Amino acid sequence: MSTYQWRKSSYSADAGNCVNVAATDDGIAIRESDEPEAILTTTPAALRDFIRGTKAGRLDHVSPKGPPQRTT
């Protein structure tokens, strides 16, 4: 188990299924509370781009077949 100082959103309240984040020497660690051993690591810039893209709807149509084709 890691020695990271994990934090969860105050919006999670006492829910058991939430995302935790922690600062690392190299960037940011992310885990789901249901599977605390599965830890993803990223940089602050990459996480920021992911969050912005998600909010902008760029992941609304994720498919195993690839991104939807634009029609004009």
PDB file of N, CA and C in Angstrom:
ATOM      1  N   MET A   1       0.846  -1.181   0.000  1.00  0.00           N
ATOM      2  CA  MET A   1       0.000   0.000   0.000  1.00  0.00           C
ATOM      3  C   MET A   1       0.885   1.235   0.000  1.00  0.00           C
ATOM      4  N   SER A   2       0.455   2.267  -0.644  1.00  0.00           N
ATOM      5  CA  SER A   2       1.265   3.475  -0.756  1.00  0.00           C
ATOM      6  C   SER A   2       1.187   4.325   0.510  1.00  0.00           C
ATOM      7  N   THR A   3       2.117   5.239   0.615  1.00  0.00           N
ATOM      8  CA  THR A   3       2.120   6.158   1.752  1.00  0.00           C
ATOM      9  C   THR A   3       1.644   7.537   1.341  1.00  0.00           C
ATOM     10  N   TYR A   4       0.937   7.615   0.232  1.00  0.00           N
ATOM     11  CA  TYR A   4       0.401   8.897  -0.238  1.00  0.00           C
ATOM     12  C   TYR A   4      -0.627   9.442   0.753  1.00  0.00           C
ATOM     13  N   GLN A   5      -0.778  10.744   0.762  1.00  0.00           N
ATOM     14  CA  GLN A   5      -1.829  11.399   1.550  1.00  0.00           C
ATOM     15  C   GLN A   5      -3.056  11.544   0.646  1.00  0.00           C
ATOM     16  N   TRP A   6      -3.908  10.554   0.642  1.00  0.00           N
ATOM     17  CA  TRP A   6      -5.074  10.525  -0.244  1.00  0.00           C
ATOM     18  C   TRP A   6      -6.132  11.516   0.207  1.00  0.00           C
ATOM     19  N   ARG A   7      -6.765  12.152  -0.778  1.00  0.00           N
ATOM     20  CA  ARG A   7      -7.878  13.077  -0.518  1.00  0.00           C
ATOM     21  C   ARG A   7      -9.046  12.684  -1.401  1.00  0.00           C
ATOM     22  N   LYS A   8     -10.252  12.919  -0.892  1.00  0.00           N
ATOM     23  CA  LYS A   8     -11.440  12.695  -1.706  1.00  0.00           C
ATOM     24  C   LYS A   8     -12.276  13.960  -1.705  1.00  0.00           C
ATOM     25  N   SER A   9     -13.123  14.066  -2.680  1.00  0.00           N
ATOM     26  CA  SER A   9     -13.976  15.230  -2.805  1.00  0.00           C
ATOM     27  C   SER A   9     -14.927  15.343  -1.627  1.00  0.00           C
ATOM     28  N   SER A  10     -15.167  16.555  -1.185  1.00  0.00           N
ATOM     29  CA  SER A  10     -16.150  16.765  -0.122  1.00  0.00           C
ATOM     30  C   SER A  10     -17.554  16.417  -0.607  1.00  0.00           C
ATOM     31  N   TYR A  11     -17.755  16.357  -1.925  1.00  0.00           N
ATOM     32  CA  TYR A  11     -19.055  15.983  -2.477  1.00  0.00           C
ATOM     33  C   TYR A  11     -19.334  14.491  -2.306  1.00  0.00           C
ATOM     34  N   SER A  12     -18.304  13.710  -2.010  1.00  0.00           N
ATOM     35  CA  SER A  12     -18.479  12.264  -1.850  1.00  0.00           C
ATOM     36  C   SER A  12     -19.134  11.907  -0.528  1.00  0.00           C
ATOM     37  N   ALA A  13     -19.089  12.805   0.429  1.00  0.00           N
ATOM     38  CA  ALA A  13     -19.650  12.556   1.770  1.00  0.00           C
ATOM     39  C   ALA A  13     -19.090  11.255   2.316  1.00  0.00           C
ATOM     40  N   ASP A  14     -19.955  10.341   2.728  1.00  0.00           N
ATOM     41  CA  ASP A  14     -19.499   9.070   3.276  1.00  0.00           C
ATOM     42  C   ASP A  14     -19.636   7.927   2.281  1.00  0.00           C
ATOM     43  N   ALA A  15     -19.792   8.271   1.022  1.00  0.00           N
ATOM     44  CA  ALA A  15     -19.943   7.235  -0.001  1.00  0.00           C
ATOM     45  C   ALA A  15     -18.665   6.409  -0.090  1.00  0.00           C
ATOM     46  N   GLY A  16     -18.814   5.126  -0.339  1.00  0.00           N
ATOM     47  CA  GLY A  16     -17.662   4.247  -0.421  1.00  0.00           C
ATOM     48  C   GLY A  16     -17.074   4.124  -1.811  1.00  0.00           C
ATOM     49  N   ASN A  17     -17.754   4.666  -2.804  1.00  0.00           N
ATOM     50  CA  ASN A  17     -17.276   4.547  -4.176  1.00  0.00           C
ATOM     51  C   ASN A  17     -16.902   5.933  -4.707  1.00  0.00           C
ATOM     52  N   CYS A  18     -15.709   6.356  -4.391  1.00  0.00           N
ATOM     53  CA  CYS A  18     -15.291   7.685  -4.809  1.00  0.00           C
ATOM     54  C   CYS A  18     -13.854   7.635  -5.321  1.00  0.00           C
ATOM     55  N   VAL A  19     -13.464   8.677  -6.015  1.00  0.00           N
ATOM     56  CA  VAL A  19     -12.120   8.806  -6.546  1.00  0.00           C
ATOM     57  C   VAL A  19     -11.272   9.557  -5.532  1.00  0.00           C
ATOM     58  N   ASN A  20     -10.074   9.045  -5.289  1.00  0.00           N
ATOM     59  CA  ASN A  20      -9.121   9.690  -4.393  1.00  0.00           C
ATOM     60  C   ASN A  20      -7.958  10.214  -5.217  1.00  0.00           C
ATOM     61  N   VAL A  21      -7.394  11.330  -4.806  1.00  0.00           N
ATOM     62  CA  VAL A  21      -6.205  11.882  -5.462  1.00  0.00           C
ATOM     63  C   VAL A  21      -5.142  12.164  -4.412  1.00  0.00           C
ATOM     64  N   ALA A  22      -3.884  12.147  -4.848  1.00  0.00           N
ATOM     65  CA  ALA A  22      -2.768  12.434  -3.951  1.00  0.00           C
ATOM     66  C   ALA A  22      -1.644  13.073  -4.753  1.00  0.00           C
ATOM     67  N   ALA A  23      -0.938  13.987  -4.131  1.00  0.00           N
ATOM     68  CA  ALA A  23       0.244  14.574  -4.749  1.00  0.00           C
ATOM     69  C   ALA A  23       1.400  13.592  -4.598  1.00  0.00           C
ATOM     70  N   THR A  24       2.214  13.473  -5.647  1.00  0.00           N
ATOM     71  CA  THR A  24       3.403  12.625  -5.612  1.00  0.00           C
ATOM     72  C   THR A  24       4.612  13.488  -5.937  1.00  0.00           C
ATOM     73  N   ASP A  25       5.792  12.904  -5.858  1.00  0.00           N
ATOM     74  CA  ASP A  25       7.003  13.639  -6.229  1.00  0.00           C
ATOM     75  C   ASP A  25       6.993  14.022  -7.704  1.00  0.00           C
ATOM     76  N   ASP A  26       6.357  13.168  -8.542  1.00  0.00           N
ATOM     77  CA  ASP A  26       6.359  13.378  -9.990  1.00  0.00           C
ATOM     78  C   ASP A  26       5.082  14.008 -10.538  1.00  0.00           C
ATOM     79  N   GLY A  27       4.014  14.040  -9.759  1.00  0.00           N
ATOM     80  CA  GLY A  27       2.755  14.556 -10.276  1.00  0.00           C
ATOM     81  C   GLY A  27       1.581  14.244  -9.387  1.00  0.00           C
ATOM     82  N   ILE A  28       0.622  13.480  -9.940  1.00  0.00           N
ATOM     83  CA  ILE A  28      -0.628  13.199  -9.240  1.00  0.00           C
ATOM     84  C   ILE A  28      -0.937  11.715  -9.349  1.00  0.00           C
ATOM     85  N   ALA A  29      -1.381  11.123  -8.247  1.00  0.00           N
ATOM     86  CA  ALA A  29      -1.844   9.737  -8.228  1.00  0.00           C
ATOM     87  C   ALA A  29      -3.356   9.746  -8.068  1.00  0.00           C
ATOM     88  N   ILE A  30      -4.020   8.818  -8.760  1.00  0.00           N
ATOM     89  CA  ILE A  30      -5.476   8.730  -8.737  1.00  0.00           C
ATOM     90  C   ILE A  30      -5.848   7.271  -8.498  1.00  0.00           C
ATOM     91  N   ARG A  31      -6.856   7.053  -7.649  1.00  0.00           N
ATOM     92  CA  ARG A  31      -7.350   5.695  -7.427  1.00  0.00           C
ATOM     93  C   ARG A  31      -8.839   5.748  -7.146  1.00  0.00           C
ATOM     94  N   GLU A  32      -9.491   4.618  -7.301  1.00  0.00           N
ATOM     95  CA  GLU A  32     -10.902   4.471  -6.929  1.00  0.00           C
ATOM     96  C   GLU A  32     -10.927   3.799  -5.565  1.00  0.00           C
ATOM     97  N   SER A  33     -11.767   4.269  -4.694  1.00  0.00           N
ATOM     98  CA  SER A  33     -11.778   3.731  -3.330  1.00  0.00           C
ATOM     99  C   SER A  33     -12.162   2.257  -3.288  1.00  0.00           C
ATOM    100  N   ASP A  34     -12.919   1.784  -4.284  1.00  0.00           N
ATOM    101  CA  ASP A  34     -13.300   0.373  -4.327  1.00  0.00           C
ATOM    102  C   ASP A  34     -12.121  -0.548  -4.653  1.00  0.00           C
ATOM    103  N   GLU A  35     -11.098  -0.021  -5.351  1.00  0.00           N
ATOM    104  CA  GLU A  35      -9.908  -0.789  -5.706  1.00  0.00           C
ATOM    105  C   GLU A  35      -8.670   0.039  -5.397  1.00  0.00           C
ATOM    106  N   PRO A  36      -8.328   0.223  -4.135  1.00  0.00           N
ATOM    107  CA  PRO A  36      -7.248   1.126  -3.759  1.00  0.00           C
ATOM    108  C   PRO A  36      -5.858   0.703  -4.234  1.00  0.00           C
ATOM    109  N   GLU A  37      -5.696  -0.564  -4.632  1.00  0.00           N
ATOM    110  CA  GLU A  37      -4.386  -1.009  -5.106  1.00  0.00           C
ATOM    111  C   GLU A  37      -4.124  -0.584  -6.545  1.00  0.00           C
ATOM    112  N   ALA A  38      -5.159  -0.270  -7.300  1.00  0.00           N
ATOM    113  CA  ALA A  38      -5.022   0.142  -8.701  1.00  0.00           C
ATOM    114  C   ALA A  38      -4.832   1.654  -8.740  1.00  0.00           C
ATOM    115  N   ILE A  39      -3.593   2.077  -8.917  1.00  0.00           N
ATOM    116  CA  ILE A  39      -3.249   3.497  -8.863  1.00  0.00           C
ATOM    117  C   ILE A  39      -2.764   3.967 -10.226  1.00  0.00           C
ATOM    118  N   LEU A  40      -3.361   5.035 -10.734  1.00  0.00           N
ATOM    119  CA  LEU A  40      -2.919   5.683 -11.965  1.00  0.00           C
ATOM    120  C   LEU A  40      -2.095   6.897 -11.594  1.00  0.00           C
ATOM    121  N   THR A  41      -1.097   7.215 -12.387  1.00  0.00           N
ATOM    122  CA  THR A  41      -0.324   8.427 -12.147  1.00  0.00           C
ATOM    123  C   THR A  41      -0.340   9.281 -13.407  1.00  0.00           C
ATOM    124  N   THR A  42      -0.281  10.578 -13.207  1.00  0.00           N
ATOM    125  CA  THR A  42      -0.316  11.526 -14.314  1.00  0.00           C
ATOM    126  C   THR A  42       0.358  12.819 -13.879  1.00  0.00           C
ATOM    127  N   THR A  43       0.445  13.743 -14.805  1.00  0.00           N
ATOM    128  CA  THR A  43       0.984  15.060 -14.491  1.00  0.00           C
ATOM    129  C   THR A  43      -0.172  16.020 -14.263  1.00  0.00           C
ATOM    130  N   PRO A  44       0.062  17.114 -13.569  1.00  0.00           N
ATOM    131  CA  PRO A  44      -1.007  18.102 -13.397  1.00  0.00           C
ATOM    132  C   PRO A  44      -1.542  18.619 -14.737  1.00  0.00           C
ATOM    133  N   ALA A  45      -0.655  18.836 -15.707  1.00  0.00           N
ATOM    134  CA  ALA A  45      -1.096  19.350 -17.022  1.00  0.00           C
ATOM    135  C   ALA A  45      -1.988  18.344 -17.736  1.00  0.00           C
ATOM    136  N   ALA A  46      -1.617  17.069 -17.712  1.00  0.00           N
ATOM    137  CA  ALA A  46      -2.425  16.048 -18.377  1.00  0.00           C
ATOM    138  C   ALA A  46      -3.782  15.890 -17.703  1.00  0.00           C
ATOM    139  N   LEU A  47      -3.818  15.925 -16.382  1.00  0.00           N
ATOM    140  CA  LEU A  47      -5.088  15.830 -15.663  1.00  0.00           C
ATOM    141  C   LEU A  47      -5.961  17.040 -15.965  1.00  0.00           C
ATOM    142  N   ARG A  48      -5.374  18.210 -15.984  1.00  0.00           N
ATOM    143  CA  ARG A  48      -6.116  19.431 -16.313  1.00  0.00           C
ATOM    144  C   ARG A  48      -6.721  19.332 -17.712  1.00  0.00           C
ATOM    145  N   ASP A  49      -5.937  18.852 -18.702  1.00  0.00           N
ATOM    146  CA  ASP A  49      -6.455  18.699 -20.064  1.00  0.00           C
ATOM    147  C   ASP A  49      -7.583  17.667 -20.120  1.00  0.00           C
ATOM    148  N   PHE A  50      -7.445  16.587 -19.367  1.00  0.00           N
ATOM    149  CA  PHE A  50      -8.488  15.568 -19.324  1.00  0.00           C
ATOM    150  C   PHE A  50      -9.783  16.130 -18.757  1.00  0.00           C
ATOM    151  N   ILE A  51      -9.679  16.860 -17.651  1.00  0.00           N
ATOM    152  CA  ILE A  51     -10.872  17.441 -17.023  1.00  0.00           C
ATOM    153  C   ILE A  51     -11.521  18.465 -17.956  1.00  0.00           C
ATOM    154  N   ARG A  52     -10.724  19.312 -18.556  1.00  0.00           N
ATOM    155  CA  ARG A  52     -11.278  20.303 -19.500  1.00  0.00           C
ATOM    156  C   ARG A  52     -11.948  19.623 -20.686  1.00  0.00           C
ATOM    157  N   GLY A  53     -11.326  18.590 -21.226  1.00  0.00           N
ATOM    158  CA  GLY A  53     -11.919  17.870 -22.351  1.00  0.00           C
ATOM    159  C   GLY A  53     -13.220  17.190 -21.976  1.00  0.00           C
ATOM    160  N   THR A  54     -13.259  16.628 -20.789  1.00  0.00           N
ATOM    161  CA  THR A  54     -14.480  15.981 -20.310  1.00  0.00           C
ATOM    162  C   THR A  54     -15.601  16.999 -20.160  1.00  0.00           C
ATOM    163  N   LYS A  55     -15.289  18.133 -19.537  1.00  0.00           N
ATOM    164  CA  LYS A  55     -16.302  19.177 -19.357  1.00  0.00           C
ATOM    165  C   LYS A  55     -16.783  19.731 -20.694  1.00  0.00           C
ATOM    166  N   ALA A  56     -15.907  19.755 -21.683  1.00  0.00           N
ATOM    167  CA  ALA A  56     -16.270  20.275 -23.005  1.00  0.00           C
ATOM    168  C   ALA A  56     -17.039  19.249 -23.835  1.00  0.00           C
ATOM    169  N   GLY A  57     -17.186  18.019 -23.325  1.00  0.00           N
ATOM    170  CA  GLY A  57     -17.959  17.010 -24.031  1.00  0.00           C
ATOM    171  C   GLY A  57     -17.165  16.177 -25.015  1.00  0.00           C
ATOM    172  N   ARG A  58     -15.847  16.279 -25.005  1.00  0.00           N
ATOM    173  CA  ARG A  58     -15.044  15.533 -25.972  1.00  0.00           C
ATOM    174  C   ARG A  58     -15.037  14.031 -25.707  1.00  0.00           C
ATOM    175  N   LEU A  59     -15.534  13.589 -24.564  1.00  0.00           N
ATOM    176  CA  LEU A  59     -15.606  12.158 -24.269  1.00  0.00           C
ATOM    177  C   LEU A  59     -17.038  11.645 -24.261  1.00  0.00           C
ATOM    178  N   ASP A  60     -17.971  12.457 -24.721  1.00  0.00           N
ATOM    179  CA  ASP A  60     -19.379  12.061 -24.688  1.00  0.00           C
ATOM    180  C   ASP A  60     -19.693  10.889 -25.604  1.00  0.00           C
ATOM    181  N   HIS A  61     -18.901  10.691 -26.627  1.00  0.00           N
ATOM    182  CA  HIS A  61     -19.194   9.648 -27.605  1.00  0.00           C
ATOM    183  C   HIS A  61     -18.025   8.689 -27.759  1.00  0.00           C
ATOM    184  N   VAL A  62     -17.407   8.324 -26.651  1.00  0.00           N
ATOM    185  CA  VAL A  62     -16.288   7.390 -26.699  1.00  0.00           C
ATOM    186  C   VAL A  62     -16.823   6.028 -27.098  1.00  0.00           C
ATOM    187  N   SER A  63     -16.150   5.409 -28.045  1.00  0.00           N
ATOM    188  CA  SER A  63     -16.587   4.128 -28.567  1.00  0.00           C
ATOM    189  C   SER A  63     -15.365   3.258 -28.840  1.00  0.00           C
ATOM    190  N   PRO A  64     -15.509   1.935 -28.705  1.00  0.00           N
ATOM    191  CA  PRO A  64     -14.383   1.069 -29.036  1.00  0.00           C
ATOM    192  C   PRO A  64     -14.012   1.143 -30.512  1.00  0.00           C
ATOM    193  N   LYS A  65     -14.913   1.677 -31.330  1.00  0.00           N
ATOM    194  CA  LYS A  65     -14.653   1.801 -32.763  1.00  0.00           C
ATOM    195  C   LYS A  65     -13.888   3.082 -33.093  1.00  0.00           C
ATOM    196  N   GLY A  66     -13.631   3.915 -32.103  1.00  0.00           N
ATOM    197  CA  GLY A  66     -12.929   5.157 -32.359  1.00  0.00           C
ATOM    198  C   GLY A  66     -13.868   6.337 -32.293  1.00  0.00           C
ATOM    199  N   PRO A  67     -13.342   7.540 -32.500  1.00  0.00           N
ATOM    200  CA  PRO A  67     -14.182   8.739 -32.395  1.00  0.00           C
ATOM    201  C   PRO A  67     -15.199   8.811 -33.533  1.00  0.00           C
ATOM    202  N   PRO A  68     -16.327   9.449 -33.273  1.00  0.00           N
ATOM    203  CA  PRO A  68     -17.326   9.602 -34.327  1.00  0.00           C
ATOM    204  C   PRO A  68     -16.772  10.476 -35.455  1.00  0.00           C
ATOM    205  N   GLN A  69     -17.200  10.184 -36.656  1.00  0.00           N
ATOM    206  CA  GLN A  69     -16.776  10.966 -37.820  1.00  0.00           C
ATOM    207  C   GLN A  69     -17.628  12.233 -37.910  1.00  0.00           C
ATOM    208  N   ARG A  70     -16.980  13.340 -38.151  1.00  0.00           N
ATOM    209  CA  ARG A  70     -17.710  14.602 -38.316  1.00  0.00           C
ATOM    210  C   ARG A  70     -18.294  14.691 -39.707  1.00  0.00           C
ATOM    211  N   THR A  71     -19.498  15.201 -39.768  1.00  0.00           N
ATOM    212  CA  THR A  71     -20.114  15.439 -41.073  1.00  0.00           C
ATOM    213  C   THR A  71     -20.372  16.911 -41.205  1.00  0.00           C
ATOM    214  N   THR A  72     -20.105  17.448 -42.365  1.00  0.00           N
ATOM    215  CA  THR A  72     -20.314  18.884 -42.580  1.00  0.00           C
ATOM    216  C   THR A  72     -21.265  19.125 -43.702  1.00  0.00           C
TER     217      THR A  72
END
